[in-house]
PDB file of N, CA and C in Angstrom:
ATOM      1  N   MET A   1      -9.093 -20.951  -8.104  1.00  0.00           N
ATOM      2  CA  MET A   1      -8.159 -20.452  -7.640  1.00  0.00           C
ATOM      3  C   MET A   1      -8.039 -20.919  -6.428  1.00  0.00           C
ATOM      4  N   SER A   2      -6.826 -20.863  -5.674  1.00  0.00           N
ATOM      5  CA  SER A   2      -6.627 -21.612  -4.778  1.00  0.00           C
ATOM      6  C   SER A   2      -6.752 -20.812  -3.550  1.00  0.00           C
ATOM      7  N   ASP A   3      -7.428 -21.098  -2.362  1.00  0.00           N
ATOM      8  CA  ASP A   3      -7.931 -20.361  -1.311  1.00  0.00           C
ATOM      9  C   ASP A   3      -6.704 -19.398  -0.480  1.00  0.00           C
ATOM     10  N   ASN A   4      -5.530 -20.471  -1.100  1.00  0.00           N
ATOM     11  CA  ASN A   4      -4.098 -19.720  -0.282  1.00  0.00           C
ATOM     12  C   ASN A   4      -3.351 -18.545  -1.128  1.00  0.00           C
ATOM     13  N   ILE A   5      -4.319 -18.278  -2.437  1.00  0.00           N
ATOM     14  CA  ILE A   5      -3.745 -17.415  -2.957  1.00  0.00           C
ATOM     15  C   ILE A   5      -4.198 -16.152  -3.459  1.00  0.00           C
ATOM     16  N   LYS A   6      -3.666 -15.422  -2.285  1.00  0.00           N
ATOM     17  CA  LYS A   6      -4.398 -13.525  -2.370  1.00  0.00           C
ATOM     18  C   LYS A   6      -3.451 -12.809  -2.980  1.00  0.00           C
ATOM     19  N   LYS A   7      -3.694 -11.073  -3.023  1.00  0.00           N
ATOM     20  CA  LYS A   7      -3.408 -10.061  -4.009  1.00  0.00           C
ATOM     21  C   LYS A   7      -2.474  -9.273  -2.821  1.00  0.00           C
ATOM     22  N   LEU A   8      -1.177  -9.352  -2.786  1.00  0.00           N
ATOM     23  CA  LEU A   8      -0.160  -8.066  -2.347  1.00  0.00           C
ATOM     24  C   LEU A   8      -0.580  -6.904  -2.904  1.00  0.00           C
ATOM     25  N   LEU A   9      -1.276  -5.484  -2.565  1.00  0.00           N
ATOM     26  CA  LEU A   9      -1.046  -4.524  -2.697  1.00  0.00           C
ATOM     27  C   LEU A   9       0.142  -3.704  -1.936  1.00  0.00           C
ATOM     28  N   THR A  10       1.177  -3.421  -2.802  1.00  0.00           N
ATOM     29  CA  THR A  10       2.219  -2.467  -2.467  1.00  0.00           C
ATOM     30  C   THR A  10       1.915  -0.704  -2.710  1.00  0.00           C
ATOM     31  N   ILE A  11       1.886  -0.353  -1.804  1.00  0.00           N
ATOM     32  CA  ILE A  11       1.958   1.648  -1.791  1.00  0.00           C
ATOM     33  C   ILE A  11       3.457   2.040  -1.327  1.00  0.00           C
ATOM     34  N   VAL A  12       3.714   2.694  -2.423  1.00  0.00           N
ATOM     35  CA  VAL A  12       5.151   3.561  -1.875  1.00  0.00           C
ATOM     36  C   VAL A  12       4.509   5.071  -2.199  1.00  0.00           C
ATOM     37  N   THR A  13       4.845   5.454  -1.317  1.00  0.00           N
ATOM     38  CA  THR A  13       4.284   7.137  -1.236  1.00  0.00           C
ATOM     39  C   THR A  13       4.979   7.815  -0.332  1.00  0.00           C
ATOM     40  N   GLU A  14       4.369   9.068   0.076  1.00  0.00           N
ATOM     41  CA  GLU A  14       4.758   9.952   0.925  1.00  0.00           C
ATOM     42  C   GLU A  14       4.826   9.906   2.479  1.00  0.00           C
ATOM     43  N   ALA A  15       5.580   9.769   3.406  1.00  0.00           N
ATOM     44  CA  ALA A  15       5.511   9.643   5.166  1.00  0.00           C
ATOM     45  C   ALA A  15       4.152  10.087   5.418  1.00  0.00           C
ATOM     46  N   ALA A  16       3.799  11.530   5.265  1.00  0.00           N
ATOM     47  CA  ALA A  16       2.979  12.411   5.291  1.00  0.00           C
ATOM     48  C   ALA A  16       1.642  12.092   5.291  1.00  0.00           C
ATOM     49  N   LEU A  17       1.516  10.622   4.512  1.00  0.00           N
ATOM     50  CA  LEU A  17       0.254  10.542   4.590  1.00  0.00           C
ATOM     51  C   LEU A  17      -0.098   8.916   5.399  1.00  0.00           C
ATOM     52  N   GLU A  18       1.088   8.740   5.806  1.00  0.00           N
ATOM     53  CA  GLU A  18       0.548   7.566   6.593  1.00  0.00           C
ATOM     54  C   GLU A  18      -0.335   7.160   7.423  1.00  0.00           C
ATOM     55  N   ASN A  19      -0.689   8.433   8.444  1.00  0.00           N
ATOM     56  CA  ASN A  19      -2.008   8.546   9.279  1.00  0.00           C
ATOM     57  C   ASN A  19      -3.229   8.226   8.559  1.00  0.00           C
ATOM     58  N   ILE A  20      -3.742   9.251   7.479  1.00  0.00           N
ATOM     59  CA  ILE A  20      -4.752   9.248   6.256  1.00  0.00           C
ATOM     60  C   ILE A  20      -5.136   7.959   6.023  1.00  0.00           C
ATOM     61  N   LEU A  21      -3.890   7.248   5.024  1.00  0.00           N
ATOM     62  CA  LEU A  21      -3.806   5.850   4.447  1.00  0.00           C
ATOM     63  C   LEU A  21      -4.052   4.801   4.996  1.00  0.00           C
ATOM     64  N   VAL A  22      -3.796   4.866   6.580  1.00  0.00           N
ATOM     65  CA  VAL A  22      -4.117   3.545   7.191  1.00  0.00           C
ATOM     66  C   VAL A  22      -5.182   3.246   7.863  1.00  0.00           C
ATOM     67  N   LYS A  23      -6.273   4.867   7.891  1.00  0.00           N
ATOM     68  CA  LYS A  23      -7.624   5.118   8.117  1.00  0.00           C
ATOM     69  C   LYS A  23      -8.278   4.127   6.746  1.00  0.00           C
ATOM     70  N   ASP A  24      -8.013   4.740   5.733  1.00  0.00           N
ATOM     71  CA  ASP A  24      -8.802   4.407   4.476  1.00  0.00           C
ATOM     72  C   ASP A  24      -8.738   2.676   4.271  1.00  0.00           C
ATOM     73  N   ILE A  25      -7.588   2.290   4.402  1.00  0.00           N
ATOM     74  CA  ILE A  25      -7.199   0.810   4.046  1.00  0.00           C
ATOM     75  C   ILE A  25      -7.806   0.332   5.221  1.00  0.00           C
ATOM     76  N   GLU A  26      -8.005   0.165   6.365  1.00  0.00           N
ATOM     77  CA  GLU A  26      -8.515  -0.467   7.103  1.00  0.00           C
ATOM     78  C   GLU A  26     -10.513  -0.105   6.619  1.00  0.00           C
ATOM     79  N   ARG A  27     -10.780   0.870   6.903  1.00  0.00           N
ATOM     80  CA  ARG A  27     -12.485   1.329   6.109  1.00  0.00           C
ATOM     81  C   ARG A  27     -12.500   0.695   4.749  1.00  0.00           C
ATOM     82  N   LEU A  28     -11.695   0.433   3.885  1.00  0.00           N
ATOM     83  CA  LEU A  28     -11.919  -0.032   3.122  1.00  0.00           C
ATOM     84  C   LEU A  28     -12.115  -1.734   2.858  1.00  0.00           C
ATOM     85  N   GLY A  29     -11.683  -2.186   4.529  1.00  0.00           N
ATOM     86  CA  GLY A  29     -11.862  -3.705   4.488  1.00  0.00           C
ATOM     87  C   GLY A  29     -10.555  -4.557   5.087  1.00  0.00           C
ATOM     88  N   ALA A  30      -9.506  -3.891   4.659  1.00  0.00           N
ATOM     89  CA  ALA A  30      -8.544  -4.533   5.148  1.00  0.00           C
ATOM     90  C   ALA A  30      -7.940  -4.924   6.300  1.00  0.00           C
ATOM     91  N   GLN A  31      -7.685  -6.451   6.676  1.00  0.00           N
ATOM     92  CA  GLN A  31      -7.258  -7.042   8.165  1.00  0.00           C
ATOM     93  C   GLN A  31      -6.402  -6.077   8.837  1.00  0.00           C
ATOM     94  N   GLY A  32      -5.167  -5.794   7.803  1.00  0.00           N
ATOM     95  CA  GLY A  32      -3.716  -5.835   8.246  1.00  0.00           C
ATOM     96  C   GLY A  32      -3.121  -5.120   7.260  1.00  0.00           C
ATOM     97  N   TYR A  33      -1.860  -4.479   8.253  1.00  0.00           N
ATOM     98  CA  TYR A  33      -0.989  -3.916   6.487  1.00  0.00           C
ATOM     99  C   TYR A  33       0.533  -3.901   7.136  1.00  0.00           C
ATOM    100  N   THR A  34       1.853  -3.827   6.500  1.00  0.00           N
ATOM    101  CA  THR A  34       2.844  -3.619   7.104  1.00  0.00           C
ATOM    102  C   THR A  34       3.253  -2.555   6.883  1.00  0.00           C
ATOM    103  N   ILE A  35       3.844  -1.359   7.588  1.00  0.00           N
ATOM    104  CA  ILE A  35       4.783  -0.043   7.187  1.00  0.00           C
ATOM    105  C   ILE A  35       5.781   0.086   7.242  1.00  0.00           C
ATOM    106  N   THR A  36       6.852   0.384   6.483  1.00  0.00           N
ATOM    107  CA  THR A  36       8.176   0.308   6.277  1.00  0.00           C
ATOM    108  C   THR A  36       8.875   1.577   5.741  1.00  0.00           C
ATOM    109  N   ASP A  37      10.115   1.914   6.384  1.00  0.00           N
ATOM    110  CA  ASP A  37      10.829   3.059   5.487  1.00  0.00           C
ATOM    111  C   ASP A  37      10.979   2.608   4.177  1.00  0.00           C
ATOM    112  N   ALA A  38      11.137   3.733   2.906  1.00  0.00           N
ATOM    113  CA  ALA A  38      11.129   3.215   1.878  1.00  0.00           C
ATOM    114  C   ALA A  38      12.543   4.476   1.123  1.00  0.00           C
ATOM    115  N   ARG A  39      13.158   4.775  -0.017  1.00  0.00           N
ATOM    116  CA  ARG A  39      14.178   5.077  -0.273  1.00  0.00           C
ATOM    117  C   ARG A  39      14.310   5.013  -1.930  1.00  0.00           C
ATOM    118  N   GLY A  40      14.228   6.076  -2.595  1.00  0.00           N
ATOM    119  CA  GLY A  40      14.798   5.315  -3.721  1.00  0.00           C
ATOM    120  C   GLY A  40      14.482   6.722  -4.445  1.00  0.00           C
ATOM    121  N   LYS A  41      14.748   6.796  -6.128  1.00  0.00           N
ATOM    122  CA  LYS A  41      14.436   7.601  -6.978  1.00  0.00           C
ATOM    123  C   LYS A  41      13.524   6.953  -8.155  1.00  0.00           C
ATOM    124  N   GLY A  42      12.525   8.238  -8.418  1.00  0.00           N
ATOM    125  CA  GLY A  42      11.686   8.482  -9.642  1.00  0.00           C
ATOM    126  C   GLY A  42      11.269   9.664  -9.996  1.00  0.00           C
ATOM    127  N   GLY A  43      10.218   9.472 -10.515  1.00  0.00           N
ATOM    128  CA  GLY A  43       9.534  10.735 -11.066  1.00  0.00           C
ATOM    129  C   GLY A  43       9.701  12.137 -10.690  1.00  0.00           C
ATOM    130  N   ARG A  44       9.508  11.768  -9.264  1.00  0.00           N
ATOM    131  CA  ARG A  44       9.780  12.746  -8.339  1.00  0.00           C
ATOM    132  C   ARG A  44      11.102  13.734  -7.752  1.00  0.00           C
ATOM    133  N   GLY A  45      12.322  12.315  -8.391  1.00  0.00           N
ATOM    134  CA  GLY A  45      13.846  12.639  -7.660  1.00  0.00           C
ATOM    135  C   GLY A  45      13.966  11.684  -6.745  1.00  0.00           C
ATOM    136  N   VAL A  46      14.679  11.855  -5.859  1.00  0.00           N
ATOM    137  CA  VAL A  46      15.612  11.367  -4.823  1.00  0.00           C
ATOM    138  C   VAL A  46      14.719  11.368  -3.277  1.00  0.00           C
ATOM    139  N   ARG A  47      14.369  10.534  -2.554  1.00  0.00           N
ATOM    140  CA  ARG A  47      13.983  10.327  -1.405  1.00  0.00           C
ATOM    141  C   ARG A  47      14.690   9.480  -0.981  1.00  0.00           C
ATOM    142  N   ASN A  48      14.614  10.490   0.453  1.00  0.00           N
ATOM    143  CA  ASN A  48      15.748   9.278   1.039  1.00  0.00           C
ATOM    144  C   ASN A  48      14.325   8.716   2.035  1.00  0.00           C
ATOM    145  N   ALA A  49      15.300   7.824   3.064  1.00  0.00           N
ATOM    146  CA  ALA A  49      14.849   6.816   4.164  1.00  0.00           C
ATOM    147  C   ALA A  49      14.263   7.367   5.593  1.00  0.00           C
ATOM    148  N   ALA A  50      14.451   9.025   5.589  1.00  0.00           N
ATOM    149  CA  ALA A  50      14.232   9.413   7.276  1.00  0.00           C
ATOM    150  C   ALA A  50      12.875   9.221   7.372  1.00  0.00           C
ATOM    151  N   TRP A  51      12.205   8.577   8.643  1.00  0.00           N
ATOM    152  CA  TRP A  51      10.923   8.885   9.141  1.00  0.00           C
ATOM    153  C   TRP A  51      10.637  10.278   9.553  1.00  0.00           C
ATOM    154  N   ASP A  52       9.975  11.000   8.726  1.00  0.00           N
ATOM    155  CA  ASP A  52       9.657  12.433   9.122  1.00  0.00           C
ATOM    156  C   ASP A  52       8.591  12.698   7.538  1.00  0.00           C
ATOM    157  N   ALA A  53       8.239  13.793   8.058  1.00  0.00           N
ATOM    158  CA  ALA A  53       7.229  13.810   6.676  1.00  0.00           C
ATOM    159  C   ALA A  53       7.835  14.206   4.987  1.00  0.00           C
ATOM    160  N   ASN A  54       9.220  14.009   4.873  1.00  0.00           N
ATOM    161  CA  ASN A  54       9.934  14.326   3.441  1.00  0.00           C
ATOM    162  C   ASN A  54      10.252  13.169   3.550  1.00  0.00           C
ATOM    163  N   GLY A  55       9.797  11.516   3.684  1.00  0.00           N
ATOM    164  CA  GLY A  55      10.603  10.708   3.594  1.00  0.00           C
ATOM    165  C   GLY A  55       9.035   9.887   2.894  1.00  0.00           C
ATOM    166  N   ASN A  56       9.589   8.659   2.597  1.00  0.00           N
ATOM    167  CA  ASN A  56       9.124   7.528   1.811  1.00  0.00           C
ATOM    168  C   ASN A  56       8.418   6.494   2.961  1.00  0.00           C
ATOM    169  N   ILE A  57       7.353   5.994   2.688  1.00  0.00           N
ATOM    170  CA  ILE A  57       6.828   4.784   2.804  1.00  0.00           C
ATOM    171  C   ILE A  57       6.435   3.594   2.071  1.00  0.00           C
ATOM    172  N   ARG A  58       6.526   2.684   2.572  1.00  0.00           N
ATOM    173  CA  ARG A  58       6.236   1.386   1.889  1.00  0.00           C
ATOM    174  C   ARG A  58       5.098   0.445   2.774  1.00  0.00           C
ATOM    175  N   ILE A  59       3.875   0.881   1.913  1.00  0.00           N
ATOM    176  CA  ILE A  59       2.516   0.110   2.824  1.00  0.00           C
ATOM    177  C   ILE A  59       2.154  -1.363   1.955  1.00  0.00           C
ATOM    178  N   GLU A  60       2.235  -2.151   2.304  1.00  0.00           N
ATOM    179  CA  GLU A  60       2.122  -3.441   1.863  1.00  0.00           C
ATOM    180  C   GLU A  60       0.482  -4.238   2.298  1.00  0.00           C
ATOM    181  N   VAL A  61      -0.347  -4.386   1.672  1.00  0.00           N
ATOM    182  CA  VAL A  61      -1.533  -5.010   2.268  1.00  0.00           C
ATOM    183  C   VAL A  61      -1.973  -6.094   1.456  1.00  0.00           C
ATOM    184  N   ILE A  62      -2.388  -7.262   1.959  1.00  0.00           N
ATOM    185  CA  ILE A  62      -2.532  -8.659   1.536  1.00  0.00           C
ATOM    186  C   ILE A  62      -4.101  -8.565   2.043  1.00  0.00           C
ATOM    187  N   SER A  63      -4.822  -9.096   0.773  1.00  0.00           N
ATOM    188  CA  SER A  63      -6.184  -9.699   0.794  1.00  0.00           C
ATOM    189  C   SER A  63      -6.617 -10.267  -0.208  1.00  0.00           C
ATOM    190  N   ASP A  64      -8.051 -10.470  -0.642  1.00  0.00           N
ATOM    191  CA  ASP A  64      -8.580 -10.728  -1.612  1.00  0.00           C
ATOM    192  C   ASP A  64      -8.543  -9.978  -2.772  1.00  0.00           C
ATOM    193  N   ALA A  65      -8.736 -10.193  -3.941  1.00  0.00           N
ATOM    194  CA  ALA A  65      -8.739  -9.437  -4.899  1.00  0.00           C
ATOM    195  C   ALA A  65      -9.387  -8.135  -4.545  1.00  0.00           C
ATOM    196  N   ALA A  66     -10.985  -7.956  -4.221  1.00  0.00           N
ATOM    197  CA  ALA A  66     -12.215  -7.299  -4.168  1.00  0.00           C
ATOM    198  C   ALA A  66     -11.560  -6.146  -3.289  1.00  0.00           C
ATOM    199  N   ILE A  67     -11.110  -6.536  -1.998  1.00  0.00           N
ATOM    200  CA  ILE A  67     -10.371  -5.810  -1.213  1.00  0.00           C
ATOM    201  C   ILE A  67      -9.689  -4.698  -1.659  1.00  0.00           C
ATOM    202  N   ALA A  68      -8.249  -5.535  -2.377  1.00  0.00           N
ATOM    203  CA  ALA A  68      -7.598  -4.936  -2.623  1.00  0.00           C
ATOM    204  C   ALA A  68      -7.492  -4.011  -4.107  1.00  0.00           C
ATOM    205  N   GLY A  69      -8.110  -4.335  -4.848  1.00  0.00           N
ATOM    206  CA  GLY A  69      -8.607  -3.614  -5.753  1.00  0.00           C
ATOM    207  C   GLY A  69      -9.643  -2.432  -5.599  1.00  0.00           C
ATOM    208  N   GLN A  70     -10.798  -2.146  -4.298  1.00  0.00           N
ATOM    209  CA  GLN A  70     -11.576  -1.281  -3.644  1.00  0.00           C
ATOM    210  C   GLN A  70     -10.102   0.177  -3.373  1.00  0.00           C
ATOM    211  N   ILE A  71      -9.431  -0.636  -2.600  1.00  0.00           N
ATOM    212  CA  ILE A  71      -8.134  -0.313  -2.277  1.00  0.00           C
ATOM    213  C   ILE A  71      -7.701   0.849  -2.930  1.00  0.00           C
ATOM    214  N   ALA A  72      -7.178   0.346  -4.151  1.00  0.00           N
ATOM    215  CA  ALA A  72      -6.274   0.793  -4.961  1.00  0.00           C
ATOM    216  C   ALA A  72      -6.782   1.506  -6.326  1.00  0.00           C
ATOM    217  N   SER A  73      -8.252   1.655  -6.263  1.00  0.00           N
ATOM    218  CA  SER A  73      -8.767   2.753  -6.804  1.00  0.00           C
ATOM    219  C   SER A  73      -9.062   3.513  -6.302  1.00  0.00           C
ATOM    220  N   HIS A  74      -9.651   3.869  -4.937  1.00  0.00           N
ATOM    221  CA  HIS A  74      -9.449   4.706  -3.885  1.00  0.00           C
ATOM    222  C   HIS A  74      -8.521   5.787  -3.858  1.00  0.00           C
ATOM    223  N   LEU A  75      -6.951   4.813  -3.812  1.00  0.00           N
ATOM    224  CA  LEU A  75      -5.931   5.821  -3.494  1.00  0.00           C
ATOM    225  C   LEU A  75      -5.392   6.577  -4.997  1.00  0.00           C
ATOM    226  N   LYS A  76      -5.732   5.731  -5.849  1.00  0.00           N
ATOM    227  CA  LYS A  76      -5.548   6.571  -7.218  1.00  0.00           C
ATOM    228  C   LYS A  76      -6.531   7.473  -7.414  1.00  0.00           C
ATOM    229  N   GLU A  77      -7.683   7.160  -7.271  1.00  0.00           N
ATOM    230  CA  GLU A  77      -8.403   8.730  -7.702  1.00  0.00           C
ATOM    231  C   GLU A  77      -8.287   9.699  -6.254  1.00  0.00           C
ATOM    232  N   THR A  78      -7.982   9.732  -5.468  1.00  0.00           N
ATOM    233  CA  THR A  78      -8.067  10.270  -4.486  1.00  0.00           C
ATOM    234  C   THR A  78      -6.830  10.866  -3.947  1.00  0.00           C
ATOM    235  N   TYR A  79      -5.529  10.268  -4.082  1.00  0.00           N
ATOM    236  CA  TYR A  79      -4.218  10.830  -3.944  1.00  0.00           C
ATOM    237  C   TYR A  79      -3.396  10.921  -5.233  1.00  0.00           C
ATOM    238  N   TYR A  80      -3.348  10.417  -6.524  1.00  0.00           N
ATOM    239  CA  TYR A  80      -2.762  10.460  -7.471  1.00  0.00           C
ATOM    240  C   TYR A  80      -2.159  12.147  -7.954  1.00  0.00           C
ATOM    241  N   ALA A  81      -3.099  12.787  -7.890  1.00  0.00           N
ATOM    242  CA  ALA A  81      -3.239  14.098  -8.582  1.00  0.00           C
ATOM    243  C   ALA A  81      -1.780  14.907  -7.980  1.00  0.00           C
ATOM    244  N   ASN A  82      -2.029  14.165  -6.504  1.00  0.00           N
ATOM    245  CA  ASN A  82      -0.987  15.184  -5.694  1.00  0.00           C
ATOM    246  C   ASN A  82      -0.124  15.171  -4.969  1.00  0.00           C
ATOM    247  N   TYR A  83      -0.055  13.554  -5.055  1.00  0.00           N
ATOM    248  CA  TYR A  83       1.055  13.502  -3.881  1.00  0.00           C
ATOM    249  C   TYR A  83       1.827  11.951  -4.585  1.00  0.00           C
ATOM    250  N   ALA A  84       2.869  11.894  -4.608  1.00  0.00           N
ATOM    251  CA  ALA A  84       4.081  11.068  -5.094  1.00  0.00           C
ATOM    252  C   ALA A  84       3.555   9.738  -4.447  1.00  0.00           C
ATOM    253  N   MET A  85       3.182   8.969  -5.390  1.00  0.00           N
ATOM    254  CA  MET A  85       2.829   7.586  -5.128  1.00  0.00           C
ATOM    255  C   MET A  85       2.176   6.401  -6.232  1.00  0.00           C
ATOM    256  N   ILE A  86       2.992   5.416  -6.074  1.00  0.00           N
ATOM    257  CA  ILE A  86       3.353   4.633  -6.936  1.00  0.00           C
ATOM    258  C   ILE A  86       2.110   3.730  -5.981  1.00  0.00           C
ATOM    259  N   LEU A  87       1.617   2.664  -6.829  1.00  0.00           N
ATOM    260  CA  LEU A  87       0.593   1.264  -6.266  1.00  0.00           C
ATOM    261  C   LEU A  87       1.423   0.006  -7.506  1.00  0.00           C
ATOM    262  N   PHE A  88       1.107  -0.956  -6.761  1.00  0.00           N
ATOM    263  CA  PHE A  88       1.216  -2.626  -7.703  1.00  0.00           C
ATOM    264  C   PHE A  88       0.680  -3.322  -6.981  1.00  0.00           C
ATOM    265  N   MET A  89       0.098  -4.575  -7.544  1.00  0.00           N
ATOM    266  CA  MET A  89      -0.240  -5.504  -7.277  1.00  0.00           C
ATOM    267  C   MET A  89       0.554  -6.531  -7.966  1.00  0.00           C
ATOM    268  N   SER A  90       0.039  -7.892  -6.852  1.00  0.00           N
ATOM    269  CA  SER A  90       0.582  -9.459  -7.773  1.00  0.00           C
ATOM    270  C   SER A  90       0.051 -10.771  -6.698  1.00  0.00           C
ATOM    271  N   ASP A  91       0.073 -11.474  -7.185  1.00  0.00           N
ATOM    272  CA  ASP A  91      -0.633 -12.733  -6.353  1.00  0.00           C
ATOM    273  C   ASP A  91       0.486 -12.977  -5.624  1.00  0.00           C
ATOM    274  N   VAL A  92      -0.100 -13.288  -4.081  1.00  0.00           N
ATOM    275  CA  VAL A  92       1.157 -14.142  -3.786  1.00  0.00           C
ATOM    276  C   VAL A  92       0.710 -15.338  -3.094  1.00  0.00           C
ATOM    277  N   GLU A  93       1.147 -15.964  -2.618  1.00  0.00           N
ATOM    278  CA  GLU A  93       0.647 -17.645  -1.674  1.00  0.00           C
ATOM    279  C   GLU A  93       0.740 -17.034  -0.596  1.00  0.00           C
ATOM    280  N   VAL A  94      -0.139 -17.445   0.464  1.00  0.00           N
ATOM    281  CA  VAL A  94       0.021 -17.673   1.880  1.00  0.00           C
ATOM    282  C   VAL A  94      -0.120 -18.723   2.884  1.00  0.00           C
ATOM    283  N   ILE A  95       0.682 -18.432   3.767  1.00  0.00           N
ATOM    284  CA  ILE A  95       0.805 -19.852   3.932  1.00  0.00           C
ATOM    285  C   ILE A  95       0.009 -20.410   5.338  1.00  0.00           C
ATOM    286  N   ARG A  96      -0.575 -19.175   5.919  1.00  0.00           N
ATOM    287  CA  ARG A  96      -1.930 -18.960   6.760  1.00  0.00           C
ATOM    288  C   ARG A  96      -2.775 -18.140   6.482  1.00  0.00           C
ATOM    289  N   PRO A  97      -3.651 -18.984   5.148  1.00  0.00           N
ATOM    290  CA  PRO A  97      -4.578 -18.032   4.663  1.00  0.00           C
ATOM    291  C   PRO A  97      -5.870 -17.617   5.220  1.00  0.00           C
ATOM    292  N   GLU A  98      -6.270 -18.558   6.771  1.00  0.00           N
ATOM    293  CA  GLU A  98      -7.381 -17.814   7.571  1.00  0.00           C
ATOM    294  C   GLU A  98      -6.964 -16.428   8.064  1.00  0.00           C
ATOM    295  N   LYS A  99      -5.786 -15.644   8.422  1.00  0.00           N
ATOM    296  CA  LYS A  99      -5.451 -14.711   8.369  1.00  0.00           C
ATOM    297  C   LYS A  99      -5.517 -13.726   7.318  1.00  0.00           C
ATOM    298  N   PHE A 100      -6.107 -13.859   6.507  1.00  0.00           N
ATOM    299  CA  PHE A 100      -6.517 -13.157   5.369  1.00  0.00           C
ATOM    300  C   PHE A 100      -8.268 -12.995   4.829  1.00  0.00           C
TER     301      PHE A 100
END
C-alpha cells in the first residue's frame, strides 16, 4: 500500500462528548482531527446543528490503519452503549503524507 494511503475515521456523535473524545483521540496517537457541526436523522431521531450540548458533531481523523483501528475500538467499547454515535472508516489518499 502506498505511503499516501491512510485511513479516514469519521465519528458522528453528541456534541457533549467533544472534550473527552478529543483527549481520547490524542492519547491514542492521532496527530490531529477536524470537528464540524452535524445534523441529520438516525435511530435516535432528528438532531439539529446547534453548537450546544444537544447538537451533534462530526470528527474526522486521518491516520495509519493501526491508530484508526485503536481509536474506533476504544470509542465503540466505551461510548456505544450510552451515547448516540456512529463510526465509519475509509481509505483516503493524502497529498502531504508526512503530516500524518
